[in-house]
Amino acid sequence: MFPGRSPGNGQARAAMKKIFQYLGLLASLSLHAAAWGDMADNGVECSVVMEKTEFDARAAFPDFKLVFTNKGEKTVRLFDDFYPLKDNGPNIFIKIFQKQTRGQKKEAAWYNPRYQIERGRFLNFIALKPGEKHEVLIKDAYLLMLYLKPFRRLINGEKYELEVIFRDGYGDPGVRRKYVGRKDFSVVDQSPWR
């Protein structure tokens, strides 16, 4: 007999081929998961829609919406905790990153809700059926933001990324979820004499 021609060798080769196919499939799925967007494990995708994606640094930061879309096959509950205290800011985390070379980014500003709420028995929820959307308007974000050194403001001629995080610890009992939405925007000089 020739080397590699034993009777059981074809079965082993077929089994190895199947294993490599499955590993390749798993690798491609894991690579695509990052490109599919910011979808939680319950099928809800969070995205950010800005009023303007190009504005002057001297203008107020534009209002934006958080859009939650149920792309799953089951109805999902979201905890309605976006504005739990009427006199305070929203219960979300906001970060602005300045885009730099080679895909790097540097944090330029942020907002963190600095309050704790004691939850009562009555919690409000939003039921999202498959395909349904829920929008949350975030107004006057410029009043909330803390800009970091060295400039303490956005700079004309730069590109940025807005990242908004909503943490839901009550939508499903015992499960804590983090919904993340991102949007790119540019700050450009819109002076009339330019």
N, C-alpha and C. Protein backbone atom coordinates (compact mmCIF):
# COMPACT_ATOMS: atom_id res chain seq x y z
N MET A 1 0.83 -1.18 0.00
CA MET A 1 0.00 0.00 0.00
C MET A 1 0.88 1.24 0.00
N PHE A 2 0.35 2.29 -0.59
CA PHE A 2 1.05 3.58 -0.62
C PHE A 2 0.77 4.34 0.69
N PRO A 3 1.68 5.21 1.11
CA PRO A 3 1.44 6.00 2.32
C PRO A 3 0.20 6.88 2.14
N GLY A 4 -0.61 6.98 3.18
CA GLY A 4 -1.81 7.82 3.12
C GLY A 4 -2.98 7.13 2.46
N ARG A 5 -2.87 5.87 2.09
CA ARG A 5 -3.96 5.17 1.41
C ARG A 5 -4.60 4.10 2.30
N SER A 6 -4.51 4.25 3.62
CA SER A 6 -5.13 3.24 4.49
C SER A 6 -6.64 3.41 4.45
N PRO A 7 -7.40 2.35 4.72
CA PRO A 7 -8.84 2.39 4.56
C PRO A 7 -9.54 3.46 5.41
N GLY A 8 -9.12 3.75 6.65
CA GLY A 8 -9.80 4.71 7.51
C GLY A 8 -9.38 6.15 7.27
N ASN A 9 -8.38 6.38 6.43
CA ASN A 9 -7.83 7.70 6.22
C ASN A 9 -8.81 8.65 5.54
N GLY A 10 -9.64 8.18 4.64
CA GLY A 10 -10.62 9.01 3.94
C GLY A 10 -11.68 9.54 4.91
N GLN A 11 -12.07 8.72 5.86
CA GLN A 11 -13.06 9.16 6.86
C GLN A 11 -12.48 10.25 7.76
N ALA A 12 -11.23 10.07 8.16
CA ALA A 12 -10.58 11.07 9.01
C ALA A 12 -10.43 12.39 8.26
N ARG A 13 -10.08 12.29 6.98
CA ARG A 13 -9.91 13.50 6.17
C ARG A 13 -11.27 14.22 6.01
N ALA A 14 -12.35 13.47 5.80
CA ALA A 14 -13.68 14.07 5.67
C ALA A 14 -14.11 14.73 6.98
N ALA A 15 -13.80 14.07 8.10
CA ALA A 15 -14.15 14.63 9.41
C ALA A 15 -13.37 15.91 9.66
N MET A 16 -12.09 15.92 9.33
CA MET A 16 -11.27 17.13 9.51
C MET A 16 -11.78 18.26 8.62
N LYS A 17 -12.19 17.92 7.40
CA LYS A 17 -12.71 18.93 6.49
C LYS A 17 -13.97 19.57 7.07
N LYS A 18 -14.87 18.75 7.65
CA LYS A 18 -16.09 19.27 8.27
C LYS A 18 -15.77 20.17 9.46
N ILE A 19 -14.79 19.76 10.27
CA ILE A 19 -14.41 20.56 11.43
C ILE A 19 -13.90 21.92 10.98
N PHE A 20 -13.05 21.95 9.95
CA PHE A 20 -12.53 23.22 9.45
C PHE A 20 -13.63 24.09 8.83
N GLN A 21 -14.62 23.46 8.19
CA GLN A 21 -15.74 24.22 7.65
C GLN A 21 -16.51 24.90 8.78
N TYR A 22 -16.78 24.16 9.87
CA TYR A 22 -17.48 24.74 11.00
C TYR A 22 -16.67 25.85 11.66
N LEU A 23 -15.37 25.65 11.80
CA LEU A 23 -14.52 26.69 12.38
C LEU A 23 -14.50 27.94 11.50
N GLY A 24 -14.46 27.74 10.20
CA GLY A 24 -14.50 28.87 9.27
C GLY A 24 -15.82 29.62 9.36
N LEU A 25 -16.92 28.87 9.49
CA LEU A 25 -18.24 29.49 9.62
C LEU A 25 -18.31 30.29 10.92
N LEU A 26 -17.84 29.72 12.02
CA LEU A 26 -17.85 30.44 13.30
C LEU A 26 -16.99 31.70 13.23
N ALA A 27 -15.83 31.60 12.61
CA ALA A 27 -14.96 32.77 12.49
C ALA A 27 -15.62 33.87 11.66
N SER A 28 -16.25 33.50 10.56
CA SER A 28 -16.89 34.52 9.73
C SER A 28 -18.08 35.14 10.43
N LEU A 29 -18.84 34.34 11.20
CA LEU A 29 -19.96 34.91 11.94
C LEU A 29 -19.48 35.86 13.02
N SER A 30 -18.40 35.52 13.70
CA SER A 30 -17.90 36.41 14.75
C SER A 30 -17.37 37.70 14.15
N LEU A 31 -16.77 37.65 12.97
CA LEU A 31 -16.28 38.87 12.32
C LEU A 31 -17.44 39.72 11.84
N HIS A 32 -18.52 39.09 11.37
CA HIS A 32 -19.66 39.85 10.88
C HIS A 32 -20.46 40.45 12.03
N ALA A 33 -20.44 39.85 13.21
CA ALA A 33 -21.21 40.37 14.33
C ALA A 33 -20.82 41.80 14.64
N ALA A 34 -19.55 42.13 14.52
CA ALA A 34 -19.12 43.49 14.79
C ALA A 34 -19.60 44.45 13.70
N ALA A 35 -19.79 43.96 12.50
CA ALA A 35 -20.19 44.82 11.39
C ALA A 35 -21.71 44.96 11.28
N TRP A 36 -22.48 44.13 11.98
CA TRP A 36 -23.93 44.20 11.87
C TRP A 36 -24.53 45.39 12.59
N GLY A 37 -23.78 46.03 13.41
CA GLY A 37 -24.31 47.17 14.13
C GLY A 37 -24.39 46.86 15.61
N ASP A 38 -25.01 47.76 16.31
CA ASP A 38 -25.07 47.63 17.76
C ASP A 38 -26.41 47.00 18.15
N MET A 39 -26.42 45.68 18.10
CA MET A 39 -27.64 44.94 18.41
C MET A 39 -27.41 44.14 19.68
N ALA A 40 -28.35 44.25 20.60
CA ALA A 40 -28.26 43.48 21.84
C ALA A 40 -28.65 42.04 21.57
N ASP A 41 -28.41 41.19 22.57
CA ASP A 41 -28.70 39.76 22.40
C ASP A 41 -30.19 39.45 22.30
N ASN A 42 -31.07 40.44 22.56
CA ASN A 42 -32.51 40.21 22.44
C ASN A 42 -33.06 40.67 21.09
N GLY A 43 -32.19 41.09 20.17
CA GLY A 43 -32.62 41.48 18.82
C GLY A 43 -32.95 42.95 18.67
N VAL A 44 -32.75 43.75 19.71
CA VAL A 44 -33.05 45.18 19.63
C VAL A 44 -31.79 45.93 19.21
N GLU A 45 -31.92 46.70 18.13
CA GLU A 45 -30.80 47.50 17.64
C GLU A 45 -31.00 48.94 18.09
N CYS A 46 -29.92 49.55 18.57
CA CYS A 46 -29.95 50.94 19.00
C CYS A 46 -29.16 51.77 18.01
N SER A 47 -29.74 52.85 17.54
CA SER A 47 -29.03 53.75 16.63
C SER A 47 -29.29 55.20 17.05
N VAL A 48 -28.45 56.09 16.54
CA VAL A 48 -28.56 57.52 16.85
C VAL A 48 -28.88 58.26 15.56
N VAL A 49 -29.88 59.14 15.62
CA VAL A 49 -30.22 60.00 14.49
C VAL A 49 -30.04 61.44 14.95
N MET A 50 -29.08 62.12 14.34
CA MET A 50 -28.79 63.50 14.73
C MET A 50 -29.60 64.48 13.88
N GLU A 51 -29.99 65.59 14.50
CA GLU A 51 -30.71 66.64 13.80
C GLU A 51 -29.84 67.19 12.65
N LYS A 52 -28.53 67.35 12.92
CA LYS A 52 -27.56 67.78 11.91
C LYS A 52 -26.29 66.97 12.12
N THR A 53 -25.66 66.54 11.03
CA THR A 53 -24.40 65.82 11.15
C THR A 53 -23.21 66.67 10.72
N GLU A 54 -23.49 67.92 10.39
CA GLU A 54 -22.45 68.88 10.04
C GLU A 54 -22.86 70.23 10.60
N PHE A 55 -22.04 70.78 11.50
CA PHE A 55 -22.38 72.05 12.12
C PHE A 55 -21.11 72.76 12.55
N ASP A 56 -21.25 74.05 12.86
CA ASP A 56 -20.13 74.89 13.28
C ASP A 56 -19.86 74.67 14.76
N ALA A 57 -18.59 74.76 15.15
CA ALA A 57 -18.22 74.56 16.56
C ALA A 57 -18.83 75.63 17.46
N ARG A 58 -19.15 76.78 16.91
CA ARG A 58 -19.74 77.86 17.71
C ARG A 58 -21.23 77.64 17.95
N ALA A 59 -21.84 76.76 17.19
CA ALA A 59 -23.27 76.48 17.35
C ALA A 59 -23.47 75.49 18.50
N ALA A 60 -24.68 75.46 19.04
CA ALA A 60 -24.99 74.50 20.09
C ALA A 60 -25.01 73.09 19.50
N PHE A 61 -24.60 72.13 20.31
CA PHE A 61 -24.62 70.73 19.85
C PHE A 61 -26.06 70.38 19.51
N PRO A 62 -26.30 69.78 18.32
CA PRO A 62 -27.68 69.54 17.88
C PRO A 62 -28.39 68.46 18.71
N ASP A 63 -29.72 68.57 18.74
CA ASP A 63 -30.52 67.53 19.37
C ASP A 63 -30.40 66.24 18.57
N PHE A 64 -30.65 65.12 19.23
CA PHE A 64 -30.61 63.84 18.54
C PHE A 64 -31.63 62.89 19.13
N LYS A 65 -31.87 61.80 18.41
CA LYS A 65 -32.81 60.77 18.86
C LYS A 65 -32.09 59.45 19.03
N LEU A 66 -32.48 58.73 20.05
CA LEU A 66 -32.09 57.33 20.17
C LEU A 66 -33.23 56.53 19.57
N VAL A 67 -32.91 55.64 18.66
CA VAL A 67 -33.94 54.83 18.00
C VAL A 67 -33.69 53.36 18.33
N PHE A 68 -34.67 52.74 18.97
CA PHE A 68 -34.59 51.32 19.32
C PHE A 68 -35.50 50.57 18.36
N THR A 69 -34.94 49.62 17.61
CA THR A 69 -35.70 48.85 16.62
C THR A 69 -35.61 47.38 16.98
N ASN A 70 -36.76 46.74 17.09
CA ASN A 70 -36.79 45.30 17.38
C ASN A 70 -36.62 44.55 16.06
N LYS A 71 -35.43 43.99 15.85
CA LYS A 71 -35.16 43.21 14.65
C LYS A 71 -35.26 41.72 14.92
N GLY A 72 -35.71 41.37 16.11
CA GLY A 72 -35.87 39.97 16.48
C GLY A 72 -37.23 39.44 16.04
N GLU A 73 -37.57 38.25 16.52
CA GLU A 73 -38.82 37.61 16.14
C GLU A 73 -39.83 37.58 17.27
N LYS A 74 -39.45 38.08 18.46
CA LYS A 74 -40.35 38.09 19.60
C LYS A 74 -40.53 39.51 20.12
N THR A 75 -41.64 39.73 20.82
CA THR A 75 -41.86 41.02 21.46
C THR A 75 -40.85 41.17 22.60
N VAL A 76 -40.30 42.39 22.72
CA VAL A 76 -39.25 42.67 23.70
C VAL A 76 -39.71 43.83 24.57
N ARG A 77 -39.35 43.76 25.85
CA ARG A 77 -39.66 44.84 26.78
C ARG A 77 -38.43 45.70 27.02
N LEU A 78 -38.60 47.02 26.93
CA LEU A 78 -37.56 47.98 27.29
C LEU A 78 -38.02 48.72 28.53
N PHE A 79 -37.12 48.94 29.46
CA PHE A 79 -37.44 49.71 30.65
C PHE A 79 -37.47 51.18 30.28
N ASP A 80 -38.58 51.85 30.53
CA ASP A 80 -38.74 53.26 30.18
C ASP A 80 -38.08 54.11 31.27
N ASP A 81 -36.77 54.27 31.17
CA ASP A 81 -35.99 54.94 32.19
C ASP A 81 -35.14 56.05 31.57
N PHE A 82 -35.62 56.63 30.48
CA PHE A 82 -34.81 57.61 29.77
C PHE A 82 -34.80 58.96 30.50
N TYR A 83 -35.93 59.37 31.04
CA TYR A 83 -36.03 60.61 31.81
C TYR A 83 -36.75 60.32 33.13
N PRO A 84 -36.07 59.65 34.07
CA PRO A 84 -36.75 59.30 35.31
C PRO A 84 -37.02 60.49 36.23
N LEU A 85 -36.17 61.52 36.17
CA LEU A 85 -36.37 62.72 36.97
C LEU A 85 -36.54 63.90 36.03
N LYS A 86 -37.67 64.56 36.14
CA LYS A 86 -38.00 65.60 35.16
C LYS A 86 -37.03 66.78 35.18
N ASP A 87 -36.46 67.09 36.33
CA ASP A 87 -35.58 68.25 36.43
C ASP A 87 -34.12 67.93 36.12
N ASN A 88 -33.79 66.67 35.94
CA ASN A 88 -32.42 66.27 35.67
C ASN A 88 -32.28 65.82 34.21
N GLY A 89 -31.06 65.56 33.80
CA GLY A 89 -30.80 65.11 32.44
C GLY A 89 -31.25 63.67 32.24
N PRO A 90 -31.11 63.17 31.03
CA PRO A 90 -31.54 61.80 30.74
C PRO A 90 -30.64 60.76 31.41
N ASN A 91 -31.18 59.58 31.60
CA ASN A 91 -30.44 58.49 32.24
C ASN A 91 -29.71 57.67 31.17
N ILE A 92 -28.82 58.34 30.46
CA ILE A 92 -28.00 57.71 29.42
C ILE A 92 -26.57 58.20 29.58
N PHE A 93 -25.64 57.51 28.97
CA PHE A 93 -24.24 57.93 28.96
C PHE A 93 -23.92 58.42 27.55
N ILE A 94 -23.28 59.57 27.45
CA ILE A 94 -22.92 60.13 26.15
C ILE A 94 -21.41 60.34 26.11
N LYS A 95 -20.80 59.94 25.00
CA LYS A 95 -19.37 60.20 24.79
C LYS A 95 -19.19 60.74 23.38
N ILE A 96 -18.29 61.68 23.24
CA ILE A 96 -17.90 62.19 21.92
C ILE A 96 -16.42 61.90 21.75
N PHE A 97 -16.09 61.24 20.65
CA PHE A 97 -14.70 60.91 20.34
C PHE A 97 -14.24 61.70 19.13
N GLN A 98 -13.04 62.26 19.20
CA GLN A 98 -12.42 62.91 18.04
C GLN A 98 -11.72 61.82 17.25
N LYS A 99 -12.03 61.72 15.97
CA LYS A 99 -11.41 60.70 15.13
C LYS A 99 -10.00 61.14 14.74
N GLN A 100 -9.06 60.22 14.84
CA GLN A 100 -7.68 60.50 14.51
C GLN A 100 -7.21 59.55 13.42
N THR A 101 -5.94 59.61 13.10
CA THR A 101 -5.40 58.76 12.04
C THR A 101 -5.39 57.29 12.45
N ARG A 102 -5.35 56.42 11.48
CA ARG A 102 -5.27 54.97 11.65
C ARG A 102 -6.41 54.40 12.48
N GLY A 103 -7.59 54.97 12.36
CA GLY A 103 -8.76 54.43 13.04
C GLY A 103 -8.80 54.68 14.53
N GLN A 104 -7.86 55.44 15.05
CA GLN A 104 -7.85 55.72 16.48
C GLN A 104 -8.80 56.86 16.78
N LYS A 105 -9.23 56.93 18.04
CA LYS A 105 -10.08 58.03 18.45
C LYS A 105 -9.74 58.43 19.88
N LYS A 106 -9.98 59.71 20.17
CA LYS A 106 -9.63 60.28 21.46
C LYS A 106 -10.89 60.90 22.06
N GLU A 107 -11.15 60.61 23.32
CA GLU A 107 -12.35 61.14 23.97
C GLU A 107 -12.26 62.66 24.08
N ALA A 108 -13.32 63.35 23.62
CA ALA A 108 -13.34 64.81 23.62
C ALA A 108 -14.36 65.37 24.61
N ALA A 109 -15.44 64.63 24.87
CA ALA A 109 -16.48 65.12 25.78
C ALA A 109 -17.30 63.93 26.27
N TRP A 110 -18.00 64.14 27.38
CA TRP A 110 -18.85 63.07 27.90
C TRP A 110 -19.95 63.64 28.80
N TYR A 111 -20.95 62.82 29.03
CA TYR A 111 -22.02 63.11 29.99
C TYR A 111 -22.33 61.81 30.71
N ASN A 112 -22.44 61.92 32.03
CA ASN A 112 -22.74 60.77 32.87
C ASN A 112 -23.85 61.19 33.83
N PRO A 113 -24.98 60.49 33.84
CA PRO A 113 -26.03 60.88 34.78
C PRO A 113 -25.54 60.64 36.21
N ARG A 114 -25.46 61.68 36.99
CA ARG A 114 -24.86 61.58 38.33
C ARG A 114 -25.94 61.53 39.40
N TYR A 115 -26.88 60.65 39.23
CA TYR A 115 -27.89 60.50 40.26
C TYR A 115 -28.28 59.04 40.37
N GLN A 116 -28.72 58.66 41.54
CA GLN A 116 -29.21 57.31 41.80
C GLN A 116 -30.70 57.43 42.11
N ILE A 117 -31.46 56.47 41.64
CA ILE A 117 -32.90 56.49 41.85
C ILE A 117 -33.31 55.23 42.60
N GLU A 118 -34.12 55.43 43.62
CA GLU A 118 -34.66 54.27 44.32
C GLU A 118 -35.92 53.85 43.57
N ARG A 119 -35.92 52.64 43.08
CA ARG A 119 -37.04 52.15 42.26
C ARG A 119 -38.20 51.71 43.14
N GLY A 120 -39.39 52.09 42.77
CA GLY A 120 -40.59 51.67 43.49
C GLY A 120 -41.17 50.41 42.86
N ARG A 121 -42.40 50.14 43.19
CA ARG A 121 -43.06 48.96 42.64
C ARG A 121 -43.56 49.19 41.22
N PHE A 122 -43.82 50.44 40.88
CA PHE A 122 -44.42 50.73 39.59
C PHE A 122 -43.35 51.15 38.59
N LEU A 123 -43.01 50.26 37.70
CA LEU A 123 -42.02 50.52 36.68
C LEU A 123 -42.72 50.58 35.33
N ASN A 124 -42.31 51.51 34.48
CA ASN A 124 -42.92 51.63 33.15
C ASN A 124 -42.05 50.91 32.13
N PHE A 125 -42.72 50.21 31.22
CA PHE A 125 -42.02 49.47 30.18
C PHE A 125 -42.58 49.83 28.82
N ILE A 126 -41.75 49.63 27.82
CA ILE A 126 -42.15 49.82 26.42
C ILE A 126 -42.09 48.46 25.76
N ALA A 127 -43.20 48.02 25.17
CA ALA A 127 -43.23 46.73 24.48
C ALA A 127 -42.96 46.98 22.99
N LEU A 128 -41.91 46.34 22.48
CA LEU A 128 -41.57 46.47 21.06
C LEU A 128 -41.87 45.15 20.36
N LYS A 129 -42.86 45.18 19.49
CA LYS A 129 -43.16 43.99 18.69
C LYS A 129 -42.12 43.89 17.57
N PRO A 130 -41.97 42.73 16.96
CA PRO A 130 -41.00 42.61 15.85
C PRO A 130 -41.23 43.67 14.78
N GLY A 131 -40.16 44.38 14.43
CA GLY A 131 -40.23 45.41 13.40
C GLY A 131 -40.59 46.79 13.94
N GLU A 132 -41.04 46.90 15.17
CA GLU A 132 -41.43 48.19 15.72
C GLU A 132 -40.22 48.99 16.18
N LYS A 133 -40.42 50.34 16.22
CA LYS A 133 -39.37 51.25 16.65
C LYS A 133 -39.88 52.08 17.82
N HIS A 134 -38.95 52.51 18.65
CA HIS A 134 -39.25 53.47 19.71
C HIS A 134 -38.17 54.54 19.67
N GLU A 135 -38.59 55.81 19.62
CA GLU A 135 -37.65 56.92 19.53
C GLU A 135 -37.66 57.73 20.82
N VAL A 136 -36.48 58.13 21.26
CA VAL A 136 -36.34 58.96 22.45
C VAL A 136 -35.58 60.22 22.03
N LEU A 137 -36.20 61.37 22.17
CA LEU A 137 -35.58 62.64 21.80
C LEU A 137 -34.69 63.12 22.95
N ILE A 138 -33.44 63.44 22.64
CA ILE A 138 -32.50 63.99 23.61
C ILE A 138 -32.28 65.45 23.22
N LYS A 139 -32.88 66.36 24.00
CA LYS A 139 -32.80 67.79 23.69
C LYS A 139 -31.73 68.45 24.56
N ASP A 140 -31.19 69.53 24.03
CA ASP A 140 -30.25 70.38 24.76
C ASP A 140 -29.06 69.60 25.33
N ALA A 141 -28.51 68.69 24.54
CA ALA A 141 -27.36 67.90 24.99
C ALA A 141 -26.16 68.79 25.27
N TYR A 142 -26.09 69.95 24.62
CA TYR A 142 -24.95 70.85 24.83
C TYR A 142 -24.90 71.35 26.28
N LEU A 143 -26.01 71.35 26.98
CA LEU A 143 -26.03 71.77 28.38
C LEU A 143 -25.51 70.68 29.31
N LEU A 144 -25.47 69.46 28.82
CA LEU A 144 -25.07 68.32 29.64
C LEU A 144 -23.59 67.99 29.53
N MET A 145 -23.00 68.28 28.38
CA MET A 145 -21.66 67.78 28.06
C MET A 145 -20.56 68.45 28.87
N LEU A 146 -19.58 67.63 29.25
CA LEU A 146 -18.36 68.11 29.89
C LEU A 146 -17.24 67.89 28.87
N TYR A 147 -16.66 68.98 28.38
CA TYR A 147 -15.60 68.89 27.37
C TYR A 147 -14.25 68.74 28.06
N LEU A 148 -13.40 67.91 27.50
CA LEU A 148 -12.11 67.58 28.11
C LEU A 148 -11.00 68.47 27.56
N LYS A 149 -9.91 68.54 28.30
CA LYS A 149 -8.74 69.33 27.90
C LYS A 149 -8.10 68.70 26.68
N PRO A 150 -7.34 69.36 25.89
CA PRO A 150 -6.81 70.70 26.09
C PRO A 150 -7.72 71.80 25.57
N PHE A 151 -8.70 71.50 24.69
CA PHE A 151 -9.46 72.58 24.05
C PHE A 151 -10.77 72.90 24.74
N ARG A 152 -11.39 71.93 25.41
CA ARG A 152 -12.68 72.10 26.09
C ARG A 152 -13.79 72.56 25.15
N ARG A 153 -13.71 72.13 23.91
CA ARG A 153 -14.76 72.41 22.92
C ARG A 153 -14.49 71.54 21.70
N LEU A 154 -15.44 71.50 20.80
CA LEU A 154 -15.22 70.82 19.53
C LEU A 154 -14.46 71.78 18.61
N ILE A 155 -13.73 71.24 17.65
CA ILE A 155 -12.86 72.05 16.79
C ILE A 155 -13.35 71.96 15.35
N ASN A 156 -13.47 73.12 14.70
CA ASN A 156 -13.85 73.14 13.29
C ASN A 156 -12.83 72.38 12.45
N GLY A 157 -13.30 71.68 11.43
CA GLY A 157 -12.41 70.94 10.55
C GLY A 157 -12.12 69.53 11.03
N GLU A 158 -12.74 69.08 12.11
CA GLU A 158 -12.49 67.74 12.66
C GLU A 158 -13.71 66.84 12.49
N LYS A 159 -13.44 65.54 12.51
CA LYS A 159 -14.50 64.54 12.44
C LYS A 159 -14.62 63.89 13.81
N TYR A 160 -15.87 63.58 14.19
CA TYR A 160 -16.15 63.05 15.52
C TYR A 160 -17.11 61.86 15.43
N GLU A 161 -17.20 61.16 16.55
CA GLU A 161 -18.16 60.08 16.68
C GLU A 161 -18.93 60.29 17.99
N LEU A 162 -20.26 60.26 17.89
CA LEU A 162 -21.12 60.35 19.05
C LEU A 162 -21.49 58.92 19.46
N GLU A 163 -21.29 58.59 20.74
CA GLU A 163 -21.64 57.27 21.25
C GLU A 163 -22.60 57.47 22.42
N VAL A 164 -23.75 56.79 22.37
CA VAL A 164 -24.75 56.90 23.42
C VAL A 164 -25.02 55.51 23.96
N ILE A 165 -25.01 55.38 25.29
CA ILE A 165 -25.21 54.09 25.94
C ILE A 165 -26.42 54.18 26.87
N PHE A 166 -27.33 53.22 26.74
CA PHE A 166 -28.48 53.10 27.65
C PHE A 166 -28.39 51.73 28.30
N ARG A 167 -28.42 51.71 29.63
CA ARG A 167 -28.34 50.45 30.38
C ARG A 167 -29.73 50.11 30.89
N ASP A 168 -30.17 48.89 30.57
CA ASP A 168 -31.50 48.42 30.96
C ASP A 168 -31.33 47.21 31.87
N GLY A 169 -31.67 47.38 33.14
CA GLY A 169 -31.56 46.28 34.09
C GLY A 169 -32.88 45.72 34.51
N TYR A 170 -33.98 46.19 33.90
CA TYR A 170 -35.31 45.76 34.33
C TYR A 170 -36.18 45.20 33.21
N GLY A 171 -35.79 45.38 31.95
CA GLY A 171 -36.61 44.90 30.83
C GLY A 171 -36.91 43.42 30.91
N ASP A 172 -35.89 42.62 31.17
CA ASP A 172 -36.04 41.18 31.43
C ASP A 172 -35.55 40.93 32.84
N PRO A 173 -36.35 40.30 33.68
CA PRO A 173 -35.93 40.07 35.07
C PRO A 173 -34.59 39.32 35.14
N GLY A 174 -33.67 39.88 35.91
CA GLY A 174 -32.38 39.24 36.13
C GLY A 174 -31.37 39.43 35.02
N VAL A 175 -31.70 40.20 33.99
CA VAL A 175 -30.78 40.40 32.85
C VAL A 175 -30.46 41.89 32.74
N ARG A 176 -29.18 42.21 32.67
CA ARG A 176 -28.75 43.59 32.46
C ARG A 176 -28.25 43.72 31.02
N ARG A 177 -28.82 44.67 30.29
CA ARG A 177 -28.42 44.86 28.89
C ARG A 177 -27.86 46.25 28.71
N LYS A 178 -26.97 46.35 27.75
CA LYS A 178 -26.37 47.63 27.39
C LYS A 178 -26.66 47.86 25.91
N TYR A 179 -27.39 48.93 25.61
CA TYR A 179 -27.68 49.31 24.24
C TYR A 179 -26.76 50.46 23.86
N VAL A 180 -26.07 50.33 22.72
CA VAL A 180 -25.10 51.33 22.29
C VAL A 180 -25.47 51.80 20.88
N GLY A 181 -25.56 53.11 20.71
CA GLY A 181 -25.80 53.70 19.40
C GLY A 181 -24.66 54.65 19.07
N ARG A 182 -24.28 54.69 17.81
CA ARG A 182 -23.16 55.55 17.39
C ARG A 182 -23.54 56.32 16.12
N LYS A 183 -22.96 57.51 15.98
CA LYS A 183 -23.17 58.31 14.77
C LYS A 183 -21.95 59.19 14.54
N ASP A 184 -21.47 59.23 13.30
CA ASP A 184 -20.36 60.10 12.91
C ASP A 184 -20.91 61.48 12.56
N PHE A 185 -20.13 62.51 12.89
CA PHE A 185 -20.50 63.87 12.49
C PHE A 185 -19.23 64.69 12.28
N SER A 186 -19.39 65.82 11.61
CA SER A 186 -18.26 66.71 11.30
C SER A 186 -18.55 68.10 11.85
N VAL A 187 -17.50 68.75 12.26
CA VAL A 187 -17.61 70.14 12.71
C VAL A 187 -16.87 70.99 11.67
N VAL A 188 -17.62 71.87 11.00
CA VAL A 188 -17.05 72.67 9.91
C VAL A 188 -17.33 74.16 10.14
N ASP A 189 -16.41 74.97 9.69
CA ASP A 189 -16.58 76.42 9.81
C ASP A 189 -17.65 76.87 8.82
N GLN A 190 -18.72 77.46 9.33
CA GLN A 190 -19.80 77.93 8.46
C GLN A 190 -19.91 79.45 8.49
N SER A 191 -18.77 80.10 8.66
CA SER A 191 -18.76 81.57 8.67
C SER A 191 -19.15 82.09 7.29
N PRO A 192 -19.91 83.18 7.22
CA PRO A 192 -20.33 83.70 5.92
C PRO A 192 -19.18 84.27 5.10
N TRP A 193 -18.10 84.69 5.76
CA TRP A 193 -16.96 85.27 5.02
C TRP A 193 -15.97 84.24 4.55
N ARG A 194 -16.20 82.96 4.73
CA ARG A 194 -15.27 81.93 4.26
C ARG A 194 -15.58 81.54 2.86
